[in-house]
Amino acid sequence: MVETGGSGAGHFSLSSSCYAKDYATAQTAVTFLTPTSGKKLVIKQVYVSTSTVNVDVTLAFVTSDKTMFKLYTAQKATATGNIVCGMGAVDEVLSLTCGDNTFVSVAYDEVN
């Protein structure tokens, strides 16, 4: 993790890694991101863009039953968001469900 500034106001951290993928066809609960063995994924930020309106975009830690990002595509075609509940369990993968023509980018860290 890269930290900027000192403690207090204006102090924030950037993720140390990013993963992105473009999907031409719909996906249902496919593995999007796998942590290094023995580590946990900590999702810092997500960007999603899609041309579909019939399948919502969902990123989830399925094993621990945590949906940590959802884009309701009938309402909006793109979204960027900071994450709440963005940490999976040790060795838990991040899964993706999406419709056709969807691009997803995730900024993340790995922790013990």
PDB file of N, CA and C in Angstrom:
ATOM      1  N   MET A   1       0.843  -1.157   0.000  1.00  0.00           N
ATOM      2  CA  MET A   1       0.000   0.000   0.000  1.00  0.00           C
ATOM      3  C   MET A   1       0.897   1.231   0.000  1.00  0.00           C
ATOM      4  N   VAL A   2       0.553   2.210  -0.782  1.00  0.00           N
ATOM      5  CA  VAL A   2       1.282   3.464  -0.858  1.00  0.00           C
ATOM      6  C   VAL A   2       0.529   4.496  -0.040  1.00  0.00           C
ATOM      7  N   GLU A   3       1.212   5.142   0.896  1.00  0.00           N
ATOM      8  CA  GLU A   3       0.557   6.162   1.706  1.00  0.00           C
ATOM      9  C   GLU A   3       1.069   7.531   1.304  1.00  0.00           C
ATOM     10  N   THR A   4       0.174   8.498   1.342  1.00  0.00           N
ATOM     11  CA  THR A   4       0.554   9.858   0.999  1.00  0.00           C
ATOM     12  C   THR A   4       0.216  10.772   2.156  1.00  0.00           C
ATOM     13  N   GLY A   5       1.019  11.774   2.341  1.00  0.00           N
ATOM     14  CA  GLY A   5       0.757  12.750   3.397  1.00  0.00           C
ATOM     15  C   GLY A   5       1.037  12.177   4.768  1.00  0.00           C
ATOM     16  N   GLY A   6       0.688  12.949   5.801  1.00  0.00           N
ATOM     17  CA  GLY A   6       0.855  12.504   7.178  1.00  0.00           C
ATOM     18  C   GLY A   6      -0.470  12.055   7.731  1.00  0.00           C
ATOM     19  N   SER A   7      -0.511  11.905   9.051  1.00  0.00           N
ATOM     20  CA  SER A   7      -1.769  11.487   9.670  1.00  0.00           C
ATOM     21  C   SER A   7      -2.751  12.646   9.697  1.00  0.00           C
ATOM     22  N   GLY A   8      -4.028  12.316   9.800  1.00  0.00           N
ATOM     23  CA  GLY A   8      -5.049  13.358   9.881  1.00  0.00           C
ATOM     24  C   GLY A   8      -5.660  13.657   8.533  1.00  0.00           C
ATOM     25  N   ALA A   9      -6.213  14.854   8.413  1.00  0.00           N
ATOM     26  CA  ALA A   9      -6.932  15.251   7.194  1.00  0.00           C
ATOM     27  C   ALA A   9      -6.028  15.164   5.978  1.00  0.00           C
ATOM     28  N   GLY A  10      -6.578  14.670   4.898  1.00  0.00           N
ATOM     29  CA  GLY A  10      -5.824  14.588   3.655  1.00  0.00           C
ATOM     30  C   GLY A  10      -4.960  13.347   3.534  1.00  0.00           C
ATOM     31  N   HIS A  11      -4.917  12.500   4.563  1.00  0.00           N
ATOM     32  CA  HIS A  11      -4.114  11.284   4.537  1.00  0.00           C
ATOM     33  C   HIS A  11      -4.944  10.166   3.933  1.00  0.00           C
ATOM     34  N   PHE A  12      -4.414   9.499   2.926  1.00  0.00           N
ATOM     35  CA  PHE A  12      -5.132   8.396   2.314  1.00  0.00           C
ATOM     36  C   PHE A  12      -4.138   7.389   1.773  1.00  0.00           C
ATOM     37  N   SER A  13      -4.628   6.216   1.445  1.00  0.00           N
ATOM     38  CA  SER A  13      -3.735   5.188   0.911  1.00  0.00           C
ATOM     39  C   SER A  13      -4.215   4.746  -0.463  1.00  0.00           C
ATOM     40  N   LEU A  14      -3.269   4.427  -1.304  1.00  0.00           N
ATOM     41  CA  LEU A  14      -3.563   3.921  -2.641  1.00  0.00           C
ATOM     42  C   LEU A  14      -3.297   2.428  -2.645  1.00  0.00           C
ATOM     43  N   SER A  15      -3.983   1.719  -3.492  1.00  0.00           N
ATOM     44  CA  SER A  15      -3.745   0.287  -3.575  1.00  0.00           C
ATOM     45  C   SER A  15      -2.416   0.017  -4.265  1.00  0.00           C
ATOM     46  N   SER A  16      -1.869  -1.155  -4.007  1.00  0.00           N
ATOM     47  CA  SER A  16      -0.593  -1.503  -4.620  1.00  0.00           C
ATOM     48  C   SER A  16      -0.771  -2.334  -5.887  1.00  0.00           C
ATOM     49  N   SER A  17      -1.997  -2.789  -6.167  1.00  0.00           N
ATOM     50  CA  SER A  17      -2.230  -3.638  -7.334  1.00  0.00           C
ATOM     51  C   SER A  17      -3.550  -3.283  -8.014  1.00  0.00           C
ATOM     52  N   CYS A  18      -3.616  -3.607  -9.307  1.00  0.00           N
ATOM     53  CA  CYS A  18      -4.844  -3.389 -10.069  1.00  0.00           C
ATOM     54  C   CYS A  18      -5.011  -4.549 -11.042  1.00  0.00           C
ATOM     55  N   TYR A  19      -6.255  -4.983 -11.215  1.00  0.00           N
ATOM     56  CA  TYR A  19      -6.561  -6.028 -12.184  1.00  0.00           C
ATOM     57  C   TYR A  19      -7.763  -5.574 -12.991  1.00  0.00           C
ATOM     58  N   ALA A  20      -7.707  -5.742 -14.302  1.00  0.00           N
ATOM     59  CA  ALA A  20      -8.818  -5.333 -15.168  1.00  0.00           C
ATOM     60  C   ALA A  20      -9.043  -6.392 -16.232  1.00  0.00           C
ATOM     61  N   LYS A  21     -10.312  -6.527 -16.636  1.00  0.00           N
ATOM     62  CA  LYS A  21     -10.641  -7.474 -17.688  1.00  0.00           C
ATOM     63  C   LYS A  21     -11.889  -6.991 -18.412  1.00  0.00           C
ATOM     64  N   ASP A  22     -11.912  -7.256 -19.714  1.00  0.00           N
ATOM     65  CA  ASP A  22     -13.042  -6.895 -20.576  1.00  0.00           C
ATOM     66  C   ASP A  22     -13.744  -8.189 -20.982  1.00  0.00           C
ATOM     67  N   TYR A  23     -15.056  -8.264 -20.749  1.00  0.00           N
ATOM     68  CA  TYR A  23     -15.836  -9.462 -21.061  1.00  0.00           C
ATOM     69  C   TYR A  23     -16.772  -9.182 -22.229  1.00  0.00           C
ATOM     70  N   ALA A  24     -16.683  -9.970 -23.287  1.00  0.00           N
ATOM     71  CA  ALA A  24     -17.565  -9.815 -24.442  1.00  0.00           C
ATOM     72  C   ALA A  24     -18.905 -10.504 -24.213  1.00  0.00           C
ATOM     73  N   THR A  25     -18.901 -11.558 -23.395  1.00  0.00           N
ATOM     74  CA  THR A  25     -20.126 -12.319 -23.145  1.00  0.00           C
ATOM     75  C   THR A  25     -20.474 -12.303 -21.664  1.00  0.00           C
ATOM     76  N   ALA A  26     -21.721 -12.626 -21.362  1.00  0.00           N
ATOM     77  CA  ALA A  26     -22.204 -12.642 -19.983  1.00  0.00           C
ATOM     78  C   ALA A  26     -21.442 -13.675 -19.149  1.00  0.00           C
ATOM     79  N   GLN A  27     -21.264 -13.370 -17.863  1.00  0.00           N
ATOM     80  CA  GLN A  27     -20.568 -14.245 -16.925  1.00  0.00           C
ATOM     81  C   GLN A  27     -21.462 -14.438 -15.701  1.00  0.00           C
ATOM     82  N   THR A  28     -21.424 -15.623 -15.109  1.00  0.00           N
ATOM     83  CA  THR A  28     -22.207 -15.885 -13.906  1.00  0.00           C
ATOM     84  C   THR A  28     -21.303 -16.460 -12.827  1.00  0.00           C
ATOM     85  N   ALA A  29     -21.028 -15.664 -11.809  1.00  0.00           N
ATOM     86  CA  ALA A  29     -20.222 -16.069 -10.650  1.00  0.00           C
ATOM     87  C   ALA A  29     -18.889 -16.701 -11.050  1.00  0.00           C
ATOM     88  N   VAL A  30     -18.206 -16.099 -12.025  1.00  0.00           N
ATOM     89  CA  VAL A  30     -16.883 -16.594 -12.431  1.00  0.00           C
ATOM     90  C   VAL A  30     -15.824 -15.983 -11.519  1.00  0.00           C
ATOM     91  N   THR A  31     -14.702 -16.678 -11.393  1.00  0.00           N
ATOM     92  CA  THR A  31     -13.594 -16.144 -10.605  1.00  0.00           C
ATOM     93  C   THR A  31     -13.010 -14.949 -11.349  1.00  0.00           C
ATOM     94  N   PHE A  32     -13.001 -13.799 -10.686  1.00  0.00           N
ATOM     95  CA  PHE A  32     -12.437 -12.586 -11.271  1.00  0.00           C
ATOM     96  C   PHE A  32     -11.010 -12.369 -10.775  1.00  0.00           C
ATOM     97  N   LEU A  33     -10.784 -12.581  -9.488  1.00  0.00           N
ATOM     98  CA  LEU A  33      -9.478 -12.288  -8.894  1.00  0.00           C
ATOM     99  C   LEU A  33      -9.204 -13.296  -7.777  1.00  0.00           C
ATOM    100  N   THR A  34      -8.002 -13.868  -7.780  1.00  0.00           N
ATOM    101  CA  THR A  34      -7.600 -14.864  -6.790  1.00  0.00           C
ATOM    102  C   THR A  34      -6.409 -14.325  -5.997  1.00  0.00           C
ATOM    103  N   PRO A  35      -6.488 -14.364  -4.660  1.00  0.00           N
ATOM    104  CA  PRO A  35      -5.351 -13.884  -3.869  1.00  0.00           C
ATOM    105  C   PRO A  35      -4.184 -14.872  -3.903  1.00  0.00           C
ATOM    106  N   THR A  36      -3.017 -14.377  -3.582  1.00  0.00           N
ATOM    107  CA  THR A  36      -1.858 -15.236  -3.378  1.00  0.00           C
ATOM    108  C   THR A  36      -2.185 -16.191  -2.240  1.00  0.00           C
ATOM    109  N   SER A  37      -1.728 -17.420  -2.329  1.00  0.00           N
ATOM    110  CA  SER A  37      -2.016 -18.426  -1.308  1.00  0.00           C
ATOM    111  C   SER A  37      -1.676 -17.913   0.090  1.00  0.00           C
ATOM    112  N   GLY A  38      -2.621 -18.071   1.023  1.00  0.00           N
ATOM    113  CA  GLY A  38      -2.426 -17.637   2.410  1.00  0.00           C
ATOM    114  C   GLY A  38      -2.748 -16.176   2.657  1.00  0.00           C
ATOM    115  N   LYS A  39      -3.211 -15.442   1.638  1.00  0.00           N
ATOM    116  CA  LYS A  39      -3.510 -14.011   1.764  1.00  0.00           C
ATOM    117  C   LYS A  39      -5.003 -13.739   1.620  1.00  0.00           C
ATOM    118  N   LYS A  40      -5.406 -12.526   2.024  1.00  0.00           N
ATOM    119  CA  LYS A  40      -6.768 -12.026   1.846  1.00  0.00           C
ATOM    120  C   LYS A  40      -6.736 -10.879   0.857  1.00  0.00           C
ATOM    121  N   LEU A  41      -7.764 -10.786   0.019  1.00  0.00           N
ATOM    122  CA  LEU A  41      -7.930  -9.627  -0.860  1.00  0.00           C
ATOM    123  C   LEU A  41      -8.616  -8.507  -0.085  1.00  0.00           C
ATOM    124  N   VAL A  42      -8.097  -7.309  -0.218  1.00  0.00           N
ATOM    125  CA  VAL A  42      -8.739  -6.109   0.327  1.00  0.00           C
ATOM    126  C   VAL A  42      -9.034  -5.212  -0.869  1.00  0.00           C
ATOM    127  N   ILE A  43     -10.300  -5.102  -1.231  1.00  0.00           N
ATOM    128  CA  ILE A  43     -10.696  -4.319  -2.392  1.00  0.00           C
ATOM    129  C   ILE A  43     -10.782  -2.855  -1.992  1.00  0.00           C
ATOM    130  N   LYS A  44     -10.066  -2.007  -2.743  1.00  0.00           N
ATOM    131  CA  LYS A  44      -9.991  -0.577  -2.422  1.00  0.00           C
ATOM    132  C   LYS A  44     -10.941   0.256  -3.280  1.00  0.00           C
ATOM    133  N   GLN A  45     -11.057  -0.112  -4.558  1.00  0.00           N
ATOM    134  CA  GLN A  45     -11.910   0.648  -5.460  1.00  0.00           C
ATOM    135  C   GLN A  45     -12.259  -0.207  -6.668  1.00  0.00           C
ATOM    136  N   VAL A  46     -13.423   0.092  -7.261  1.00  0.00           N
ATOM    137  CA  VAL A  46     -13.911  -0.646  -8.424  1.00  0.00           C
ATOM    138  C   VAL A  46     -14.380   0.343  -9.479  1.00  0.00           C
ATOM    139  N   TYR A  47     -14.099   0.028 -10.751  1.00  0.00           N
ATOM    140  CA  TYR A  47     -14.666   0.773 -11.870  1.00  0.00           C
ATOM    141  C   TYR A  47     -15.331  -0.239 -12.792  1.00  0.00           C
ATOM    142  N   VAL A  48     -16.566   0.047 -13.208  1.00  0.00           N
ATOM    143  CA  VAL A  48     -17.306  -0.842 -14.105  1.00  0.00           C
ATOM    144  C   VAL A  48     -17.939  -0.016 -15.212  1.00  0.00           C
ATOM    145  N   SER A  49     -17.880  -0.540 -16.432  1.00  0.00           N
ATOM    146  CA  SER A  49     -18.565   0.052 -17.571  1.00  0.00           C
ATOM    147  C   SER A  49     -19.200  -1.083 -18.356  1.00  0.00           C
ATOM    148  N   THR A  50     -20.455  -0.893 -18.781  1.00  0.00           N
ATOM    149  CA  THR A  50     -21.146  -1.955 -19.510  1.00  0.00           C
ATOM    150  C   THR A  50     -22.124  -1.367 -20.511  1.00  0.00           C
ATOM    151  N   SER A  51     -22.428  -2.148 -21.545  1.00  0.00           N
ATOM    152  CA  SER A  51     -23.435  -1.710 -22.517  1.00  0.00           C
ATOM    153  C   SER A  51     -24.736  -2.496 -22.360  1.00  0.00           C
ATOM    154  N   THR A  52     -24.765  -3.418 -21.411  1.00  0.00           N
ATOM    155  CA  THR A  52     -25.964  -4.228 -21.217  1.00  0.00           C
ATOM    156  C   THR A  52     -26.901  -3.580 -20.195  1.00  0.00           C
ATOM    157  N   VAL A  53     -28.191  -3.843 -20.325  1.00  0.00           N
ATOM    158  CA  VAL A  53     -29.147  -3.331 -19.334  1.00  0.00           C
ATOM    159  C   VAL A  53     -29.960  -4.461 -18.708  1.00  0.00           C
ATOM    160  N   ASN A  54     -29.696  -5.706 -19.108  1.00  0.00           N
ATOM    161  CA  ASN A  54     -30.522  -6.796 -18.609  1.00  0.00           C
ATOM    162  C   ASN A  54     -29.875  -7.660 -17.533  1.00  0.00           C
ATOM    163  N   VAL A  55     -28.592  -7.449 -17.231  1.00  0.00           N
ATOM    164  CA  VAL A  55     -27.913  -8.202 -16.177  1.00  0.00           C
ATOM    165  C   VAL A  55     -27.113  -7.219 -15.329  1.00  0.00           C
ATOM    166  N   ASP A  56     -27.404  -7.169 -14.021  1.00  0.00           N
ATOM    167  CA  ASP A  56     -26.652  -6.305 -13.124  1.00  0.00           C
ATOM    168  C   ASP A  56     -25.232  -6.836 -12.950  1.00  0.00           C
ATOM    169  N   VAL A  57     -24.298  -5.935 -12.656  1.00  0.00           N
ATOM    170  CA  VAL A  57     -22.906  -6.318 -12.419  1.00  0.00           C
ATOM    171  C   VAL A  57     -22.717  -6.479 -10.915  1.00  0.00           C
ATOM    172  N   THR A  58     -22.203  -7.638 -10.500  1.00  0.00           N
ATOM    173  CA  THR A  58     -22.000  -7.930  -9.085  1.00  0.00           C
ATOM    174  C   THR A  58     -20.602  -8.487  -8.874  1.00  0.00           C
ATOM    175  N   LEU A  59     -19.902  -7.937  -7.887  1.00  0.00           N
ATOM    176  CA  LEU A  59     -18.635  -8.492  -7.417  1.00  0.00           C
ATOM    177  C   LEU A  59     -18.882  -8.973  -5.991  1.00  0.00           C
ATOM    178  N   ALA A  60     -18.489 -10.226  -5.710  1.00  0.00           N
ATOM    179  CA  ALA A  60     -18.803 -10.797  -4.403  1.00  0.00           C
ATOM    180  C   ALA A  60     -17.737 -11.778  -3.950  1.00  0.00           C
ATOM    181  N   PHE A  61     -17.605 -11.861  -2.628  1.00  0.00           N
ATOM    182  CA  PHE A  61     -16.861 -12.933  -1.990  1.00  0.00           C
ATOM    183  C   PHE A  61     -17.919 -13.982  -1.646  1.00  0.00           C
ATOM    184  N   VAL A  62     -18.061 -14.989  -2.497  1.00  0.00           N
ATOM    185  CA  VAL A  62     -19.167 -15.940  -2.394  1.00  0.00           C
ATOM    186  C   VAL A  62     -19.066 -16.801  -1.138  1.00  0.00           C
ATOM    187  N   THR A  63     -17.861 -17.285  -0.818  1.00  0.00           N
ATOM    188  CA  THR A  63     -17.696 -18.175   0.328  1.00  0.00           C
ATOM    189  C   THR A  63     -18.159 -17.517   1.624  1.00  0.00           C
ATOM    190  N   SER A  64     -17.802 -16.252   1.826  1.00  0.00           N
ATOM    191  CA  SER A  64     -18.212 -15.548   3.052  1.00  0.00           C
ATOM    192  C   SER A  64     -19.518 -14.786   2.861  1.00  0.00           C
ATOM    193  N   ASP A  65     -20.175 -14.953   1.720  1.00  0.00           N
ATOM    194  CA  ASP A  65     -21.483 -14.354   1.438  1.00  0.00           C
ATOM    195  C   ASP A  65     -21.466 -12.826   1.561  1.00  0.00           C
ATOM    196  N   LYS A  66     -20.446 -12.193   0.941  1.00  0.00           N
ATOM    197  CA  LYS A  66     -20.324 -10.734   0.943  1.00  0.00           C
ATOM    198  C   LYS A  66     -20.420 -10.199  -0.482  1.00  0.00           C
ATOM    199  N   THR A  67     -21.538  -9.551  -0.799  1.00  0.00           N
ATOM    200  CA  THR A  67     -21.615  -8.801  -2.050  1.00  0.00           C
ATOM    201  C   THR A  67     -21.038  -7.439  -1.730  1.00  0.00           C
ATOM    202  N   MET A  68     -19.942  -7.086  -2.406  1.00  0.00           N
ATOM    203  CA  MET A  68     -19.289  -5.837  -2.039  1.00  0.00           C
ATOM    204  C   MET A  68     -19.358  -4.764  -3.122  1.00  0.00           C
ATOM    205  N   PHE A  69     -19.967  -5.072  -4.266  1.00  0.00           N
ATOM    206  CA  PHE A  69     -20.188  -4.062  -5.296  1.00  0.00           C
ATOM    207  C   PHE A  69     -21.320  -4.530  -6.190  1.00  0.00           C
ATOM    208  N   LYS A  70     -22.254  -3.632  -6.482  1.00  0.00           N
ATOM    209  CA  LYS A  70     -23.364  -3.973  -7.379  1.00  0.00           C
ATOM    210  C   LYS A  70     -23.717  -2.744  -8.202  1.00  0.00           C
ATOM    211  N   LEU A  71     -23.803  -2.945  -9.519  1.00  0.00           N
ATOM    212  CA  LEU A  71     -24.229  -1.895 -10.438  1.00  0.00           C
ATOM    213  C   LEU A  71     -25.545  -2.332 -11.061  1.00  0.00           C
ATOM    214  N   TYR A  72     -26.608  -1.571 -10.784  1.00  0.00           N
ATOM    215  CA  TYR A  72     -27.916  -1.854 -11.369  1.00  0.00           C
ATOM    216  C   TYR A  72     -27.930  -1.246 -12.769  1.00  0.00           C
ATOM    217  N   THR A  73     -27.732  -2.083 -13.766  1.00  0.00           N
ATOM    218  CA  THR A  73     -27.472  -1.607 -15.122  1.00  0.00           C
ATOM    219  C   THR A  73     -28.670  -0.962 -15.798  1.00  0.00           C
ATOM    220  N   ALA A  74     -29.871  -1.222 -15.356  1.00  0.00           N
ATOM    221  CA  ALA A  74     -31.038  -0.552 -15.936  1.00  0.00           C
ATOM    222  C   ALA A  74     -31.044   0.937 -15.560  1.00  0.00           C
ATOM    223  N   GLN A  75     -30.302   1.298 -14.513  1.00  0.00           N
ATOM    224  CA  GLN A  75     -30.243   2.667 -14.035  1.00  0.00           C
ATOM    225  C   GLN A  75     -29.005   3.425 -14.515  1.00  0.00           C
ATOM    226  N   LYS A  76     -27.887   2.710 -14.690  1.00  0.00           N
ATOM    227  CA  LYS A  76     -26.611   3.368 -14.929  1.00  0.00           C
ATOM    228  C   LYS A  76     -25.677   2.421 -15.685  1.00  0.00           C
ATOM    229  N   ALA A  77     -24.889   2.950 -16.611  1.00  0.00           N
ATOM    230  CA  ALA A  77     -23.991   2.107 -17.407  1.00  0.00           C
ATOM    231  C   ALA A  77     -22.560   2.081 -16.886  1.00  0.00           C
ATOM    232  N   THR A  78     -22.163   3.055 -16.065  1.00  0.00           N
ATOM    233  CA  THR A  78     -20.813   3.065 -15.497  1.00  0.00           C
ATOM    234  C   THR A  78     -20.885   3.460 -14.034  1.00  0.00           C
ATOM    235  N   ALA A  79     -19.891   3.007 -13.274  1.00  0.00           N
ATOM    236  CA  ALA A  79     -19.824   3.376 -11.866  1.00  0.00           C
ATOM    237  C   ALA A  79     -18.406   3.216 -11.371  1.00  0.00           C
ATOM    238  N   THR A  80     -18.004   4.115 -10.494  1.00  0.00           N
ATOM    239  CA  THR A  80     -16.754   4.016  -9.765  1.00  0.00           C
ATOM    240  C   THR A  80     -17.112   4.167  -8.309  1.00  0.00           C
ATOM    241  N   GLY A  81     -16.567   3.317  -7.483  1.00  0.00           N
ATOM    242  CA  GLY A  81     -16.930   3.437  -6.083  1.00  0.00           C
ATOM    243  C   GLY A  81     -15.877   2.931  -5.136  1.00  0.00           C
ATOM    244  N   ASN A  82     -15.790   3.608  -3.991  1.00  0.00           N
ATOM    245  CA  ASN A  82     -15.023   3.061  -2.884  1.00  0.00           C
ATOM    246  C   ASN A  82     -15.848   1.928  -2.305  1.00  0.00           C
ATOM    247  N   ILE A  83     -15.236   1.032  -1.600  1.00  0.00           N
ATOM    248  CA  ILE A  83     -15.866  -0.211  -1.226  1.00  0.00           C
ATOM    249  C   ILE A  83     -16.123  -0.280   0.272  1.00  0.00           C
ATOM    250  N   VAL A  84     -17.260  -0.859   0.626  1.00  0.00           N
ATOM    251  CA  VAL A  84     -17.584  -1.211   1.996  1.00  0.00           C
ATOM    252  C   VAL A  84     -17.606  -2.734   2.038  1.00  0.00           C
ATOM    253  N   CYS A  85     -17.099  -3.340   3.093  1.00  0.00           N
ATOM    254  CA  CYS A  85     -17.037  -4.817   3.207  1.00  0.00           C
ATOM    255  C   CYS A  85     -16.177  -5.399   2.105  1.00  0.00           C
ATOM    256  N   GLY A  86     -15.032  -4.805   1.853  1.00  0.00           N
ATOM    257  CA  GLY A  86     -14.192  -5.225   0.749  1.00  0.00           C
ATOM    258  C   GLY A  86     -13.082  -6.183   1.083  1.00  0.00           C
ATOM    259  N   MET A  87     -13.187  -6.961   2.193  1.00  0.00           N
ATOM    260  CA  MET A  87     -12.127  -7.910   2.513  1.00  0.00           C
ATOM    261  C   MET A  87     -12.681  -9.328   2.515  1.00  0.00           C
ATOM    262  N   GLY A  88     -12.021 -10.188   1.773  1.00  0.00           N
ATOM    263  CA  GLY A  88     -12.405 -11.592   1.754  1.00  0.00           C
ATOM    264  C   GLY A  88     -11.670 -12.365   2.829  1.00  0.00           C
ATOM    265  N   ALA A  89     -12.018 -13.622   2.972  1.00  0.00           N
ATOM    266  CA  ALA A  89     -11.326 -14.517   3.901  1.00  0.00           C
ATOM    267  C   ALA A  89     -10.005 -14.961   3.265  1.00  0.00           C
ATOM    268  N   VAL A  90      -9.167 -15.619   4.038  1.00  0.00           N
ATOM    269  CA  VAL A  90      -7.903 -16.142   3.520  1.00  0.00           C
ATOM    270  C   VAL A  90      -8.196 -17.069   2.345  1.00  0.00           C
ATOM    271  N   ASP A  91      -7.502 -16.860   1.234  1.00  0.00           N
ATOM    272  CA  ASP A  91      -7.616 -17.657   0.010  1.00  0.00           C
ATOM    273  C   ASP A  91      -8.971 -17.541  -0.692  1.00  0.00           C
ATOM    274  N   GLU A  92      -9.817 -16.580  -0.318  1.00  0.00           N
ATOM    275  CA  GLU A  92     -11.132 -16.444  -0.939  1.00  0.00           C
ATOM    276  C   GLU A  92     -11.053 -15.623  -2.214  1.00  0.00           C
ATOM    277  N   VAL A  93     -11.623 -16.155  -3.288  1.00  0.00           N
ATOM    278  CA  VAL A  93     -11.608 -15.466  -4.577  1.00  0.00           C
ATOM    279  C   VAL A  93     -12.730 -14.438  -4.652  1.00  0.00           C
ATOM    280  N   LEU A  94     -12.534 -13.453  -5.505  1.00  0.00           N
ATOM    281  CA  LEU A  94     -13.556 -12.454  -5.815  1.00  0.00           C
ATOM    282  C   LEU A  94     -14.264 -12.915  -7.078  1.00  0.00           C
ATOM    283  N   SER A  95     -15.585 -13.049  -7.016  1.00  0.00           N
ATOM    284  CA  SER A  95     -16.371 -13.543  -8.149  1.00  0.00           C
ATOM    285  C   SER A  95     -17.109 -12.415  -8.843  1.00  0.00           C
ATOM    286  N   LEU A  96     -17.387 -12.607 -10.127  1.00  0.00           N
ATOM    287  CA  LEU A  96     -18.054 -11.600 -10.943  1.00  0.00           C
ATOM    288  C   LEU A  96     -19.251 -12.205 -11.661  1.00  0.00           C
ATOM    289  N   THR A  97     -20.352 -11.456 -11.662  1.00  0.00           N
ATOM    290  CA  THR A  97     -21.505 -11.747 -12.512  1.00  0.00           C
ATOM    291  C   THR A  97     -21.763 -10.488 -13.321  1.00  0.00           C
ATOM    292  N   CYS A  98     -21.926 -10.631 -14.654  1.00  0.00           N
ATOM    293  CA  CYS A  98     -22.148  -9.459 -15.498  1.00  0.00           C
ATOM    294  C   CYS A  98     -22.792  -9.873 -16.811  1.00  0.00           C
ATOM    295  N   GLY A  99     -23.287  -8.891 -17.542  1.00  0.00           N
ATOM    296  CA  GLY A  99     -23.846  -9.124 -18.863  1.00  0.00           C
ATOM    297  C   GLY A  99     -22.795  -8.946 -19.946  1.00  0.00           C
ATOM    298  N   ASP A 100     -23.235  -8.974 -21.189  1.00  0.00           N
ATOM    299  CA  ASP A 100     -22.342  -8.795 -22.334  1.00  0.00           C
ATOM    300  C   ASP A 100     -21.651  -7.432 -22.282  1.00  0.00           C
ATOM    301  N   ASN A 101     -20.479  -7.362 -22.911  1.00  0.00           N
ATOM    302  CA  ASN A 101     -19.754  -6.102 -23.107  1.00  0.00           C
ATOM    303  C   ASN A 101     -19.568  -5.329 -21.813  1.00  0.00           C
ATOM    304  N   THR A 102     -18.867  -5.957 -20.864  1.00  0.00           N
ATOM    305  CA  THR A 102     -18.629  -5.352 -19.561  1.00  0.00           C
ATOM    306  C   THR A 102     -17.137  -5.288 -19.285  1.00  0.00           C
ATOM    307  N   PHE A 103     -16.676  -4.116 -18.838  1.00  0.00           N
ATOM    308  CA  PHE A 103     -15.286  -3.912 -18.432  1.00  0.00           C
ATOM    309  C   PHE A 103     -15.268  -3.681 -16.929  1.00  0.00           C
ATOM    310  N   VAL A 104     -14.368  -4.388 -16.238  1.00  0.00           N
ATOM    311  CA  VAL A 104     -14.250  -4.255 -14.782  1.00  0.00           C
ATOM    312  C   VAL A 104     -12.790  -4.053 -14.424  1.00  0.00           C
ATOM    313  N   SER A 105     -12.530  -3.076 -13.571  1.00  0.00           N
ATOM    314  CA  SER A 105     -11.192  -2.819 -13.047  1.00  0.00           C
ATOM    315  C   SER A 105     -11.272  -2.729 -11.527  1.00  0.00           C
ATOM    316  N   VAL A 106     -10.369  -3.426 -10.845  1.00  0.00           N
ATOM    317  CA  VAL A 106     -10.373  -3.470  -9.385  1.00  0.00           C
ATOM    318  C   VAL A 106      -8.993  -3.103  -8.862  1.00  0.00           C
ATOM    319  N   ALA A 107      -8.957  -2.129  -7.953  1.00  0.00           N
ATOM    320  CA  ALA A 107      -7.730  -1.785  -7.236  1.00  0.00           C
ATOM    321  C   ALA A 107      -7.780  -2.525  -5.901  1.00  0.00           C
ATOM    322  N   TYR A 108      -6.687  -3.202  -5.547  1.00  0.00           N
ATOM    323  CA  TYR A 108      -6.721  -4.039  -4.352  1.00  0.00           C
ATOM    324  C   TYR A 108      -5.350  -4.159  -3.700  1.00  0.00           C
ATOM    325  N   ASP A 109      -5.363  -4.619  -2.458  1.00  0.00           N
ATOM    326  CA  ASP A 109      -4.159  -5.006  -1.725  1.00  0.00           C
ATOM    327  C   ASP A 109      -4.351  -6.437  -1.265  1.00  0.00           C
ATOM    328  N   GLU A 110      -3.267  -7.064  -0.873  1.00  0.00           N
ATOM    329  CA  GLU A 110      -3.320  -8.385  -0.254  1.00  0.00           C
ATOM    330  C   GLU A 110      -2.719  -8.269   1.144  1.00  0.00           C
ATOM    331  N   VAL A 111      -3.386  -8.892   2.134  1.00  0.00           N
ATOM    332  CA  VAL A 111      -2.903  -8.853   3.504  1.00  0.00           C
ATOM    333  C   VAL A 111      -2.906 -10.265   4.077  1.00  0.00           C
ATOM    334  N   ASN A 112      -2.164 -10.442   5.167  1.00  0.00           N
ATOM    335  CA  ASN A 112      -2.134 -11.743   5.856  1.00  0.00           C
ATOM    336  C   ASN A 112      -3.394 -11.965   6.636  1.00  0.00           C
TER     337      ASN A 112
END
